[in-house]
Amino acid sequence: MKICVTGAAGFIGFYVSNALMARGDTVVGLDNLNDYYDVTLKHDRLAMLKGNNAFSFHEVDLADKEKVDGIFTEEKFDRVIHLAAQAGVRYSIENPYAYIQSNIVGHLNILEACRHSDTIQNLAYASSSSVYGMNENKPFKTSDFVDNPISLYAATKKSDELMSYCYSHLYDIPMSGLRFFTVYGPWGRPDMAYFSFTKDILEGKTIKVFNHGKMRRDFTYIDDIVAGVIAASDNPPEKDEKGVAHRVYNLGNNQSETLMDFISTIENALGQEADKEMLPMQPGDVVETYADISESKKYLNYNPVTPISKGMPEFVKWYKGYYS
């Protein structure tokens, strides 16, 4: 099986690519290696992937339609796992155009490339728990109303879901949208709170705790996310009552942790207490995320097994080794 993984040098893309190759698939990675966070981390992930003969790579901006079309014509993929995106809620307030180019134009180009392919069987793509906005129903269900995004990032991810539904309907391509819930683990993204908390605590710096710590997150370990992504690729949705083979899934841990408990877990793993600065809520952020994963269990046999008490020490161990 030849599988295209976009965002292959990114956190989730790196792990998904490795898992696919471990089971015998051929992976073609696409990534623009942008500098949203330390590019060294992306290059190091990519170097590890390139050590496997089953991996090949194209450095490409997905907003470049001509190059994307050329790659799809040349490679003739069997499946696509589309994980590339401009990430980050807060950065979308500072640099909105980056999100339109990557998450809207880039996503459309992937849809168009799939549409014109005569080999692609299905598409699994990354969405986000951010689409739930200020939803007050807990846990979040995929059937909940999600038309009130509070960040541009969330708006682009909801747009991706709508565009994908439309293309699945028009061109009969099975598609799965994956709403990720706060993914963490070794080789993670430096812009995520757990990463910056670990860094600042080790360096003796004060950590910034927003909304005075009164927040909850459904923290999901990377191994559990990878299992869900691959299951979605392996099990494309059947057509619904309207004849559309498109389904959206929550990939979370089905466990909403308080931010202060999460910080305590990091402190325990480090053996070091944090100096905390309590701050008000940040624009575009949400108070709580909590995933209902019943549909993911039903259709994907998705079963997250990693609590933060196990996952965070694994991240801390990796961090100390990598930055030693």
C-alpha atoms as a PDB file:
ATOM      1  CA  MET A   1       0.000   0.000   0.000  1.00  0.00           C
ATOM      2  CA  LYS A   2       1.409   3.409  -0.987  1.00  0.00           C
ATOM      3  CA  ILE A   3       0.155   6.093   1.391  1.00  0.00           C
ATOM      4  CA  CYS A   4       0.638   9.855   1.181  1.00  0.00           C
ATOM      5  CA  VAL A   5       1.142  11.495   4.574  1.00  0.00           C
ATOM      6  CA  THR A   6       1.042  15.290   4.497  1.00  0.00           C
ATOM      7  CA  GLY A   7       2.756  17.059   7.369  1.00  0.00           C
ATOM      8  CA  ALA A   8       5.118  14.075   7.625  1.00  0.00           C
ATOM      9  CA  ALA A   9       7.809  16.101   9.418  1.00  0.00           C
ATOM     10  CA  GLY A  10       5.242  17.288  11.955  1.00  0.00           C
ATOM     11  CA  PHE A  11       4.524  15.690  15.314  1.00  0.00           C
ATOM     12  CA  ILE A  12       1.606  13.410  14.424  1.00  0.00           C
ATOM     13  CA  GLY A  13       2.733  12.890  10.820  1.00  0.00           C
ATOM     14  CA  PHE A  14       6.117  11.616  11.994  1.00  0.00           C
ATOM     15  CA  TYR A  15       4.545   8.973  14.230  1.00  0.00           C
ATOM     16  CA  VAL A  16       1.898   7.952  11.704  1.00  0.00           C
ATOM     17  CA  SER A  17       4.551   7.530   8.995  1.00  0.00           C
ATOM     18  CA  ASN A  18       6.683   5.339  11.262  1.00  0.00           C
ATOM     19  CA  ALA A  19       3.707   3.184  12.243  1.00  0.00           C
ATOM     20  CA  LEU A  20       2.641   2.677   8.636  1.00  0.00           C
ATOM     21  CA  MET A  21       6.132   1.635   7.562  1.00  0.00           C
ATOM     22  CA  ALA A  22       6.441  -0.703  10.559  1.00  0.00           C
ATOM     23  CA  ARG A  23       3.502  -2.705   9.246  1.00  0.00           C
ATOM     24  CA  GLY A  24       4.842  -2.813   5.675  1.00  0.00           C
ATOM     25  CA  ASP A  25       3.337   0.199   3.896  1.00  0.00           C
ATOM     26  CA  THR A  26       5.247   2.568   1.641  1.00  0.00           C
ATOM     27  CA  VAL A  27       4.998   6.200   2.759  1.00  0.00           C
ATOM     28  CA  VAL A  28       5.470   9.335   0.687  1.00  0.00           C
ATOM     29  CA  GLY A  29       5.761  12.353   2.969  1.00  0.00           C
ATOM     30  CA  LEU A  30       4.817  15.914   2.036  1.00  0.00           C
ATOM     31  CA  ASP A  31       5.795  18.919   4.176  1.00  0.00           C
ATOM     32  CA  ASN A  32       6.802  22.550   3.656  1.00  0.00           C
ATOM     33  CA  LEU A  33       9.047  22.571   6.768  1.00  0.00           C
ATOM     34  CA  ASN A  34       7.833  26.032   7.795  1.00  0.00           C
ATOM     35  CA  ASP A  35       9.351  27.875  10.746  1.00  0.00           C
ATOM     36  CA  TYR A  36       6.246  28.218  12.940  1.00  0.00           C
ATOM     37  CA  TYR A  37       8.352  26.410  15.553  1.00  0.00           C
ATOM     38  CA  ASP A  38      11.979  25.246  15.676  1.00  0.00           C
ATOM     39  CA  VAL A  39      12.711  23.725  12.276  1.00  0.00           C
ATOM     40  CA  THR A  40      15.548  21.671  13.777  1.00  0.00           C
ATOM     41  CA  LEU A  41      12.951  19.431  15.371  1.00  0.00           C
ATOM     42  CA  LYS A  42      11.260  18.885  11.996  1.00  0.00           C
ATOM     43  CA  HIS A  43      14.563  18.123  10.279  1.00  0.00           C
ATOM     44  CA  ASP A  44      15.491  15.636  12.995  1.00  0.00           C
ATOM     45  CA  ARG A  45      12.147  13.845  12.670  1.00  0.00           C
ATOM     46  CA  LEU A  46      12.549  13.811   8.895  1.00  0.00           C
ATOM     47  CA  ALA A  47      16.091  12.426   9.124  1.00  0.00           C
ATOM     48  CA  MET A  48      14.786   9.478  11.130  1.00  0.00           C
ATOM     49  CA  LEU A  49      12.044   8.821   8.572  1.00  0.00           C
ATOM     50  CA  LYS A  50      14.533   8.977   5.701  1.00  0.00           C
ATOM     51  CA  GLY A  51      16.518   6.220   7.378  1.00  0.00           C
ATOM     52  CA  ASN A  52      13.779   3.826   6.264  1.00  0.00           C
ATOM     53  CA  ASN A  53      13.847   2.697   2.623  1.00  0.00           C
ATOM     54  CA  ALA A  54      10.031   2.634   2.601  1.00  0.00           C
ATOM     55  CA  PHE A  55       9.952   6.429   2.960  1.00  0.00           C
ATOM     56  CA  SER A  56      10.370   9.142   0.341  1.00  0.00           C
ATOM     57  CA  PHE A  57       9.819  12.878   0.682  1.00  0.00           C
ATOM     58  CA  HIS A  58       8.673  15.946  -1.218  1.00  0.00           C
ATOM     59  CA  GLU A  59       9.225  19.402   0.254  1.00  0.00           C
ATOM     60  CA  VAL A  60       6.159  21.284  -0.968  1.00  0.00           C
ATOM     61  CA  ASP A  61       3.745  23.985   0.123  1.00  0.00           C
ATOM     62  CA  LEU A  62       0.262  22.490  -0.259  1.00  0.00           C
ATOM     63  CA  ALA A  63      -1.013  25.909  -1.362  1.00  0.00           C
ATOM     64  CA  ASP A  64       1.018  25.374  -4.565  1.00  0.00           C
ATOM     65  CA  LYS A  65      -1.611  23.567  -6.623  1.00  0.00           C
ATOM     66  CA  GLU A  66       0.638  22.839  -9.608  1.00  0.00           C
ATOM     67  CA  LYS A  67       3.276  21.092  -7.485  1.00  0.00           C
ATOM     68  CA  VAL A  68       0.700  19.142  -5.471  1.00  0.00           C
ATOM     69  CA  ASP A  69      -1.023  17.944  -8.660  1.00  0.00           C
ATOM     70  CA  GLY A  70       2.335  16.932 -10.115  1.00  0.00           C
ATOM     71  CA  ILE A  71       3.217  14.836  -7.077  1.00  0.00           C
ATOM     72  CA  PHE A  72      -0.144  13.063  -7.062  1.00  0.00           C
ATOM     73  CA  THR A  73       0.114  12.341 -10.798  1.00  0.00           C
ATOM     74  CA  GLU A  74       3.639  10.978 -10.395  1.00  0.00           C
ATOM     75  CA  GLU A  75       3.169   8.914  -7.229  1.00  0.00           C
ATOM     76  CA  LYS A  76      -0.300   7.381  -7.762  1.00  0.00           C
ATOM     77  CA  PHE A  77      -1.200   6.963  -4.089  1.00  0.00           C
ATOM     78  CA  ASP A  78      -3.583   4.332  -2.763  1.00  0.00           C
ATOM     79  CA  ARG A  79      -4.616   6.435   0.237  1.00  0.00           C
ATOM     80  CA  VAL A  80      -4.033   9.889   1.669  1.00  0.00           C
ATOM     81  CA  ILE A  81      -3.628  10.848   5.334  1.00  0.00           C
ATOM     82  CA  HIS A  82      -3.760  14.635   5.349  1.00  0.00           C
ATOM     83  CA  LEU A  83      -2.270  16.016   8.574  1.00  0.00           C
ATOM     84  CA  ALA A  84      -0.503  19.147   7.313  1.00  0.00           C
ATOM     85  CA  ALA A  85      -1.918  22.413   8.631  1.00  0.00           C
ATOM     86  CA  GLN A  86      -0.972  25.700  10.181  1.00  0.00           C
ATOM     87  CA  ALA A  87      -1.502  24.842  13.834  1.00  0.00           C
ATOM     88  CA  GLY A  88      -2.087  26.952  16.928  1.00  0.00           C
ATOM     89  CA  VAL A  89      -5.090  28.868  18.248  1.00  0.00           C
ATOM     90  CA  ARG A  90      -3.289  31.981  19.489  1.00  0.00           C
ATOM     91  CA  TYR A  91      -1.031  32.343  16.444  1.00  0.00           C
ATOM     92  CA  SER A  92      -4.131  32.490  14.234  1.00  0.00           C
ATOM     93  CA  ILE A  93      -4.905  35.867  15.803  1.00  0.00           C
ATOM     94  CA  GLU A  94      -1.426  37.174  14.960  1.00  0.00           C
ATOM     95  CA  ASN A  95      -1.085  35.754  11.453  1.00  0.00           C
ATOM     96  CA  PRO A  96      -4.515  34.907   9.987  1.00  0.00           C
ATOM     97  CA  TYR A  97      -3.376  34.714   6.358  1.00  0.00           C
ATOM     98  CA  ALA A  98      -1.109  31.749   7.105  1.00  0.00           C
ATOM     99  CA  TYR A  99      -4.198  29.775   8.159  1.00  0.00           C
ATOM    100  CA  ILE A 100      -6.165  30.576   5.030  1.00  0.00           C
ATOM    101  CA  GLN A 101      -3.288  29.575   2.761  1.00  0.00           C
ATOM    102  CA  SER A 102      -2.438  26.345   4.563  1.00  0.00           C
ATOM    103  CA  ASN A 103      -5.723  25.162   6.049  1.00  0.00           C
ATOM    104  CA  ILE A 104      -8.157  26.342   3.372  1.00  0.00           C
ATOM    105  CA  VAL A 105      -6.234  26.605   0.093  1.00  0.00           C
ATOM    106  CA  GLY A 106      -3.944  23.696   0.991  1.00  0.00           C
ATOM    107  CA  HIS A 107      -6.852  21.491   2.013  1.00  0.00           C
ATOM    108  CA  LEU A 108      -8.748  22.334  -1.173  1.00  0.00           C
ATOM    109  CA  ASN A 109      -5.712  21.380  -3.263  1.00  0.00           C
ATOM    110  CA  ILE A 110      -5.560  17.987  -1.545  1.00  0.00           C
ATOM    111  CA  LEU A 111      -9.269  17.463  -2.217  1.00  0.00           C
ATOM    112  CA  GLU A 112      -8.818  18.406  -5.866  1.00  0.00           C
ATOM    113  CA  ALA A 113      -5.828  16.090  -6.226  1.00  0.00           C
ATOM    114  CA  CYS A 114      -7.851  13.219  -4.737  1.00  0.00           C
ATOM    115  CA  ARG A 115     -10.763  14.061  -7.024  1.00  0.00           C
ATOM    116  CA  HIS A 116      -8.634  13.754 -10.164  1.00  0.00           C
ATOM    117  CA  SER A 117      -6.812  10.603  -9.039  1.00  0.00           C
ATOM    118  CA  ASP A 118      -7.884   7.234 -10.378  1.00  0.00           C
ATOM    119  CA  THR A 119      -6.034   5.264  -7.666  1.00  0.00           C
ATOM    120  CA  ILE A 120      -6.916   6.883  -4.311  1.00  0.00           C
ATOM    121  CA  GLN A 121      -9.319   4.785  -2.254  1.00  0.00           C
ATOM    122  CA  ASN A 122      -9.984   7.175   0.627  1.00  0.00           C
ATOM    123  CA  LEU A 123      -8.841  10.250   2.539  1.00  0.00           C
ATOM    124  CA  ALA A 124      -8.416  10.679   6.303  1.00  0.00           C
ATOM    125  CA  TYR A 125      -7.753  14.257   7.370  1.00  0.00           C
ATOM    126  CA  ALA A 126      -7.001  16.211  10.535  1.00  0.00           C
ATOM    127  CA  SER A 127      -9.632  18.393  12.106  1.00  0.00           C
ATOM    128  CA  SER A 128      -9.535  19.703  15.692  1.00  0.00           C
ATOM    129  CA  SER A 129     -11.416  19.789  18.980  1.00  0.00           C
ATOM    130  CA  SER A 130     -11.246  23.580  18.565  1.00  0.00           C
ATOM    131  CA  VAL A 131     -14.323  23.389  16.315  1.00  0.00           C
ATOM    132  CA  TYR A 132     -16.461  22.920  19.447  1.00  0.00           C
ATOM    133  CA  GLY A 133     -15.748  26.509  20.521  1.00  0.00           C
ATOM    134  CA  MET A 134     -17.639  27.419  23.691  1.00  0.00           C
ATOM    135  CA  ASN A 135     -19.879  24.359  23.459  1.00  0.00           C
ATOM    136  CA  GLU A 136     -21.372  23.750  26.904  1.00  0.00           C
ATOM    137  CA  ASN A 137     -22.407  20.124  26.338  1.00  0.00           C
ATOM    138  CA  LYS A 138     -19.912  17.763  27.943  1.00  0.00           C
ATOM    139  CA  PRO A 139     -18.482  15.526  26.723  1.00  0.00           C
ATOM    140  CA  PHE A 140     -18.283  16.900  23.167  1.00  0.00           C
ATOM    141  CA  LYS A 141     -20.223  14.792  20.679  1.00  0.00           C
ATOM    142  CA  THR A 142     -19.695  14.884  16.923  1.00  0.00           C
ATOM    143  CA  SER A 143     -23.424  15.581  16.622  1.00  0.00           C
ATOM    144  CA  ASP A 144     -23.094  18.822  18.633  1.00  0.00           C
ATOM    145  CA  PHE A 145     -23.666  22.205  16.977  1.00  0.00           C
ATOM    146  CA  VAL A 146     -20.244  23.607  15.985  1.00  0.00           C
ATOM    147  CA  ASP A 147     -21.042  26.726  13.967  1.00  0.00           C
ATOM    148  CA  ASN A 148     -19.725  29.212  16.557  1.00  0.00           C
ATOM    149  CA  PRO A 149     -15.907  29.016  16.353  1.00  0.00           C
ATOM    150  CA  ILE A 150     -14.008  31.442  18.580  1.00  0.00           C
ATOM    151  CA  SER A 151     -10.684  31.370  16.709  1.00  0.00           C
ATOM    152  CA  LEU A 152      -9.781  31.553  13.037  1.00  0.00           C
ATOM    153  CA  TYR A 153      -7.939  28.255  13.424  1.00  0.00           C
ATOM    154  CA  ALA A 154     -11.187  26.608  14.521  1.00  0.00           C
ATOM    155  CA  ALA A 155     -13.059  28.270  11.651  1.00  0.00           C
ATOM    156  CA  THR A 156     -10.595  26.859   9.112  1.00  0.00           C
ATOM    157  CA  LYS A 157     -10.910  23.358  10.556  1.00  0.00           C
ATOM    158  CA  LYS A 158     -14.699  23.504  10.431  1.00  0.00           C
ATOM    159  CA  SER A 159     -14.376  24.729   6.836  1.00  0.00           C
ATOM    160  CA  ASP A 160     -12.194  21.707   6.045  1.00  0.00           C
ATOM    161  CA  GLU A 161     -14.942  19.410   7.303  1.00  0.00           C
ATOM    162  CA  LEU A 162     -17.562  21.158   5.178  1.00  0.00           C
ATOM    163  CA  MET A 163     -15.414  21.095   2.043  1.00  0.00           C
ATOM    164  CA  SER A 164     -14.622  17.421   2.592  1.00  0.00           C
ATOM    165  CA  TYR A 165     -18.278  16.513   2.990  1.00  0.00           C
ATOM    166  CA  CYS A 166     -19.025  18.364  -0.256  1.00  0.00           C
ATOM    167  CA  TYR A 167     -16.255  16.572  -2.191  1.00  0.00           C
ATOM    168  CA  SER A 168     -17.208  13.207  -0.762  1.00  0.00           C
ATOM    169  CA  HIS A 169     -20.778  13.822  -1.928  1.00  0.00           C
ATOM    170  CA  LEU A 170     -19.858  15.171  -5.374  1.00  0.00           C
ATOM    171  CA  TYR A 171     -17.051  12.774  -6.274  1.00  0.00           C
ATOM    172  CA  ASP A 172     -17.847   9.655  -4.247  1.00  0.00           C
ATOM    173  CA  ILE A 173     -14.609   9.648  -2.223  1.00  0.00           C
ATOM    174  CA  PRO A 174     -14.794   8.116   1.281  1.00  0.00           C
ATOM    175  CA  MET A 175     -13.443  10.607   3.828  1.00  0.00           C
ATOM    176  CA  SER A 176     -12.880  10.666   7.592  1.00  0.00           C
ATOM    177  CA  GLY A 177     -12.378  13.881   9.572  1.00  0.00           C
ATOM    178  CA  LEU A 178     -10.431  13.459  12.822  1.00  0.00           C
ATOM    179  CA  ARG A 179     -10.999  15.929  15.641  1.00  0.00           C
ATOM    180  CA  PHE A 180      -7.811  15.702  17.713  1.00  0.00           C
ATOM    181  CA  PHE A 181      -7.896  16.550  21.424  1.00  0.00           C
ATOM    182  CA  THR A 182      -4.686  18.087  22.891  1.00  0.00           C
ATOM    183  CA  VAL A 183      -2.116  15.613  21.593  1.00  0.00           C
ATOM    184  CA  TYR A 184       1.119  15.278  23.579  1.00  0.00           C
ATOM    185  CA  GLY A 185       4.172  13.045  23.802  1.00  0.00           C
ATOM    186  CA  PRO A 186       7.844  12.708  22.810  1.00  0.00           C
ATOM    187  CA  TRP A 187       8.843  14.675  19.699  1.00  0.00           C
ATOM    188  CA  GLY A 188       5.878  16.996  20.347  1.00  0.00           C
ATOM    189  CA  ARG A 189       5.310  20.608  19.333  1.00  0.00           C
ATOM    190  CA  PRO A 190       7.227  23.320  21.248  1.00  0.00           C
ATOM    191  CA  ASP A 191       4.255  25.696  21.046  1.00  0.00           C
ATOM    192  CA  MET A 192       2.124  23.388  23.210  1.00  0.00           C
ATOM    193  CA  ALA A 193       1.745  24.204  26.908  1.00  0.00           C
ATOM    194  CA  TYR A 194       3.172  20.926  28.240  1.00  0.00           C
ATOM    195  CA  PHE A 195       6.337  21.467  26.179  1.00  0.00           C
ATOM    196  CA  SER A 196       6.873  25.073  27.267  1.00  0.00           C
ATOM    197  CA  PHE A 197       6.010  24.204  30.890  1.00  0.00           C
ATOM    198  CA  THR A 198       8.673  21.494  30.919  1.00  0.00           C
ATOM    199  CA  LYS A 199      11.247  23.788  29.335  1.00  0.00           C
ATOM    200  CA  ASP A 200      10.570  26.706  31.668  1.00  0.00           C
ATOM    201  CA  ILE A 201      10.480  24.612  34.844  1.00  0.00           C
ATOM    202  CA  LEU A 202      13.848  23.031  34.007  1.00  0.00           C
ATOM    203  CA  GLU A 203      15.300  26.477  33.269  1.00  0.00           C
ATOM    204  CA  GLY A 204      13.939  27.920  36.505  1.00  0.00           C
ATOM    205  CA  LYS A 205      11.560  30.278  34.719  1.00  0.00           C
ATOM    206  CA  THR A 206       8.017  31.186  35.733  1.00  0.00           C
ATOM    207  CA  ILE A 207       5.285  29.385  33.810  1.00  0.00           C
ATOM    208  CA  LYS A 208       2.188  31.249  32.623  1.00  0.00           C
ATOM    209  CA  VAL A 209      -1.061  29.654  33.774  1.00  0.00           C
ATOM    210  CA  PHE A 210      -4.051  31.101  31.936  1.00  0.00           C
ATOM    211  CA  ASN A 211      -7.563  31.561  33.315  1.00  0.00           C
ATOM    212  CA  HIS A 212      -5.916  31.286  36.730  1.00  0.00           C
ATOM    213  CA  GLY A 213      -5.624  27.532  36.203  1.00  0.00           C
ATOM    214  CA  LYS A 214      -9.377  27.018  35.899  1.00  0.00           C
ATOM    215  CA  MET A 215      -9.204  25.022  32.685  1.00  0.00           C
ATOM    216  CA  ARG A 216      -9.621  21.397  31.699  1.00  0.00           C
ATOM    217  CA  ARG A 217      -8.237  19.479  28.736  1.00  0.00           C
ATOM    218  CA  ASP A 218      -8.700  16.029  27.268  1.00  0.00           C
ATOM    219  CA  PHE A 219      -4.974  15.252  26.960  1.00  0.00           C
ATOM    220  CA  THR A 220      -4.355  12.459  24.443  1.00  0.00           C
ATOM    221  CA  TYR A 221      -1.083  10.571  24.160  1.00  0.00           C
ATOM    222  CA  ILE A 222       0.483  10.323  20.721  1.00  0.00           C
ATOM    223  CA  ASP A 223       0.398   6.496  20.535  1.00  0.00           C
ATOM    224  CA  ASP A 224      -3.369   6.510  21.070  1.00  0.00           C
ATOM    225  CA  ILE A 225      -3.844   9.189  18.404  1.00  0.00           C
ATOM    226  CA  VAL A 226      -1.766   7.238  15.874  1.00  0.00           C
ATOM    227  CA  ALA A 227      -3.883   4.130  16.440  1.00  0.00           C
ATOM    228  CA  GLY A 228      -7.003   6.203  15.711  1.00  0.00           C
ATOM    229  CA  VAL A 229      -5.568   7.813  12.581  1.00  0.00           C
ATOM    230  CA  ILE A 230      -4.516   4.511  11.044  1.00  0.00           C
ATOM    231  CA  ALA A 231      -7.828   2.880  11.979  1.00  0.00           C
ATOM    232  CA  ALA A 232      -9.658   5.692  10.165  1.00  0.00           C
ATOM    233  CA  SER A 233      -7.518   5.151   7.079  1.00  0.00           C
ATOM    234  CA  ASP A 234      -8.091   1.391   7.210  1.00  0.00           C
ATOM    235  CA  ASN A 235     -11.842   1.686   7.793  1.00  0.00           C
ATOM    236  CA  PRO A 236     -13.313   4.317   5.467  1.00  0.00           C
ATOM    237  CA  PRO A 237     -16.941   5.195   6.235  1.00  0.00           C
ATOM    238  CA  GLU A 238     -19.793   3.604   4.361  1.00  0.00           C
ATOM    239  CA  LYS A 239     -22.369   5.830   2.717  1.00  0.00           C
ATOM    240  CA  ASP A 240     -24.972   7.323   5.046  1.00  0.00           C
ATOM    241  CA  GLU A 241     -28.705   7.623   4.385  1.00  0.00           C
ATOM    242  CA  LYS A 242     -27.965  10.519   2.017  1.00  0.00           C
ATOM    243  CA  GLY A 243     -25.444   8.492   0.064  1.00  0.00           C
ATOM    244  CA  VAL A 244     -22.370  10.334   1.415  1.00  0.00           C
ATOM    245  CA  ALA A 245     -19.334   8.412   2.673  1.00  0.00           C
ATOM    246  CA  HIS A 246     -18.068  11.035   5.109  1.00  0.00           C
ATOM    247  CA  ARG A 247     -17.798  10.743   8.885  1.00  0.00           C
ATOM    248  CA  VAL A 248     -16.237  12.886  11.620  1.00  0.00           C
ATOM    249  CA  TYR A 249     -14.620  11.278  14.674  1.00  0.00           C
ATOM    250  CA  ASN A 250     -13.385  12.510  18.037  1.00  0.00           C
ATOM    251  CA  LEU A 251      -9.909  11.227  18.876  1.00  0.00           C
ATOM    252  CA  GLY A 252      -9.425  12.061  22.538  1.00  0.00           C
ATOM    253  CA  ASN A 253      -8.678  10.284  25.789  1.00  0.00           C
ATOM    254  CA  ASN A 254     -12.291  10.475  27.018  1.00  0.00           C
ATOM    255  CA  GLN A 255     -10.904  12.001  30.224  1.00  0.00           C
ATOM    256  CA  SER A 256     -10.945  15.736  31.011  1.00  0.00           C
ATOM    257  CA  GLU A 257      -8.078  16.690  33.332  1.00  0.00           C
ATOM    258  CA  THR A 258      -7.727  19.952  35.252  1.00  0.00           C
ATOM    259  CA  LEU A 259      -4.830  22.135  34.130  1.00  0.00           C
ATOM    260  CA  MET A 260      -3.453  22.265  37.670  1.00  0.00           C
ATOM    261  CA  ASP A 261      -3.443  18.462  37.926  1.00  0.00           C
ATOM    262  CA  PHE A 262      -1.643  18.291  34.601  1.00  0.00           C
ATOM    263  CA  ILE A 263       0.978  20.765  35.823  1.00  0.00           C
ATOM    264  CA  SER A 264       1.394  18.647  38.977  1.00  0.00           C
ATOM    265  CA  THR A 265       2.012  15.603  36.785  1.00  0.00           C
ATOM    266  CA  ILE A 266       4.785  17.481  34.968  1.00  0.00           C
ATOM    267  CA  GLU A 267       6.274  18.662  38.265  1.00  0.00           C
ATOM    268  CA  ASN A 268       6.284  15.105  39.620  1.00  0.00           C
ATOM    269  CA  ALA A 269       7.943  13.778  36.457  1.00  0.00           C
ATOM    270  CA  LEU A 270      10.617  16.478  36.713  1.00  0.00           C
ATOM    271  CA  GLY A 271      10.977  16.277  40.483  1.00  0.00           C
ATOM    272  CA  GLN A 272      10.771  20.049  40.473  1.00  0.00           C
ATOM    273  CA  GLU A 273       8.032  22.518  41.433  1.00  0.00           C
ATOM    274  CA  ALA A 274       7.024  25.298  39.057  1.00  0.00           C
ATOM    275  CA  ASP A 275       6.896  28.993  39.855  1.00  0.00           C
ATOM    276  CA  LYS A 276       3.464  29.960  38.500  1.00  0.00           C
ATOM    277  CA  GLU A 277       2.093  33.256  37.212  1.00  0.00           C
ATOM    278  CA  MET A 278      -1.702  33.202  37.161  1.00  0.00           C
ATOM    279  CA  LEU A 279      -3.100  35.091  34.178  1.00  0.00           C
ATOM    280  CA  PRO A 280      -6.535  35.774  32.656  1.00  0.00           C
ATOM    281  CA  MET A 281      -8.021  33.807  29.756  1.00  0.00           C
ATOM    282  CA  GLN A 282      -6.397  34.291  26.363  1.00  0.00           C
ATOM    283  CA  PRO A 283      -8.429  35.343  23.276  1.00  0.00           C
ATOM    284  CA  GLY A 284      -9.548  32.386  21.175  1.00  0.00           C
ATOM    285  CA  ASP A 285      -8.974  29.822  23.932  1.00  0.00           C
ATOM    286  CA  VAL A 286     -11.638  27.602  25.525  1.00  0.00           C
ATOM    287  CA  VAL A 287     -12.169  26.644  29.164  1.00  0.00           C
ATOM    288  CA  GLU A 288     -12.664  22.904  28.695  1.00  0.00           C
ATOM    289  CA  THR A 289     -12.381  20.105  26.154  1.00  0.00           C
ATOM    290  CA  TYR A 290     -13.736  16.614  26.703  1.00  0.00           C
ATOM    291  CA  ALA A 291     -14.242  14.032  23.960  1.00  0.00           C
ATOM    292  CA  ASP A 292     -17.119  11.625  23.566  1.00  0.00           C
ATOM    293  CA  ILE A 293     -15.387   8.784  21.703  1.00  0.00           C
ATOM    294  CA  SER A 294     -18.352   6.388  21.429  1.00  0.00           C
ATOM    295  CA  GLU A 295     -18.481   6.602  17.621  1.00  0.00           C
ATOM    296  CA  SER A 296     -14.707   6.184  17.341  1.00  0.00           C
ATOM    297  CA  LYS A 297     -14.988   3.061  19.467  1.00  0.00           C
ATOM    298  CA  LYS A 298     -17.902   1.743  17.417  1.00  0.00           C
ATOM    299  CA  TYR A 299     -16.501   2.293  13.931  1.00  0.00           C
ATOM    300  CA  LEU A 300     -12.727   2.345  14.499  1.00  0.00           C
ATOM    301  CA  ASN A 301     -12.353   0.150  17.576  1.00  0.00           C
ATOM    302  CA  TYR A 302     -10.541   3.144  19.052  1.00  0.00           C
ATOM    303  CA  ASN A 303      -9.504   2.557  22.658  1.00  0.00           C
ATOM    304  CA  PRO A 304      -7.056   5.052  24.239  1.00  0.00           C
ATOM    305  CA  VAL A 305      -5.056   3.434  27.037  1.00  0.00           C
ATOM    306  CA  THR A 306      -2.491   6.034  28.163  1.00  0.00           C
ATOM    307  CA  PRO A 307      -3.205   8.213  31.230  1.00  0.00           C
ATOM    308  CA  ILE A 308      -1.200  11.411  31.785  1.00  0.00           C
ATOM    309  CA  SER A 309       0.514   9.710  34.740  1.00  0.00           C
ATOM    310  CA  LYS A 310       2.172   7.412  32.185  1.00  0.00           C
ATOM    311  CA  GLY A 311       2.391   9.685  29.141  1.00  0.00           C
ATOM    312  CA  MET A 312       3.963  12.791  30.685  1.00  0.00           C
ATOM    313  CA  PRO A 313       6.952  10.947  32.213  1.00  0.00           C
ATOM    314  CA  GLU A 314       7.623   9.535  28.734  1.00  0.00           C
ATOM    315  CA  PHE A 315       7.682  13.064  27.319  1.00  0.00           C
ATOM    316  CA  VAL A 316       9.934  14.339  30.112  1.00  0.00           C
ATOM    317  CA  LYS A 317      12.348  11.442  29.566  1.00  0.00           C
ATOM    318  CA  TRP A 318      12.514  12.234  25.838  1.00  0.00           C
ATOM    319  CA  TYR A 319      12.887  15.987  26.460  1.00  0.00           C
ATOM    320  CA  LYS A 320      15.828  15.569  28.812  1.00  0.00           C
ATOM    321  CA  GLY A 321      17.530  13.218  26.369  1.00  0.00           C
ATOM    322  CA  TYR A 322      16.913  15.314  23.274  1.00  0.00           C
ATOM    323  CA  TYR A 323      17.975  18.621  24.805  1.00  0.00           C
ATOM    324  CA  SER A 324      20.808  17.262  26.942  1.00  0.00           C
END
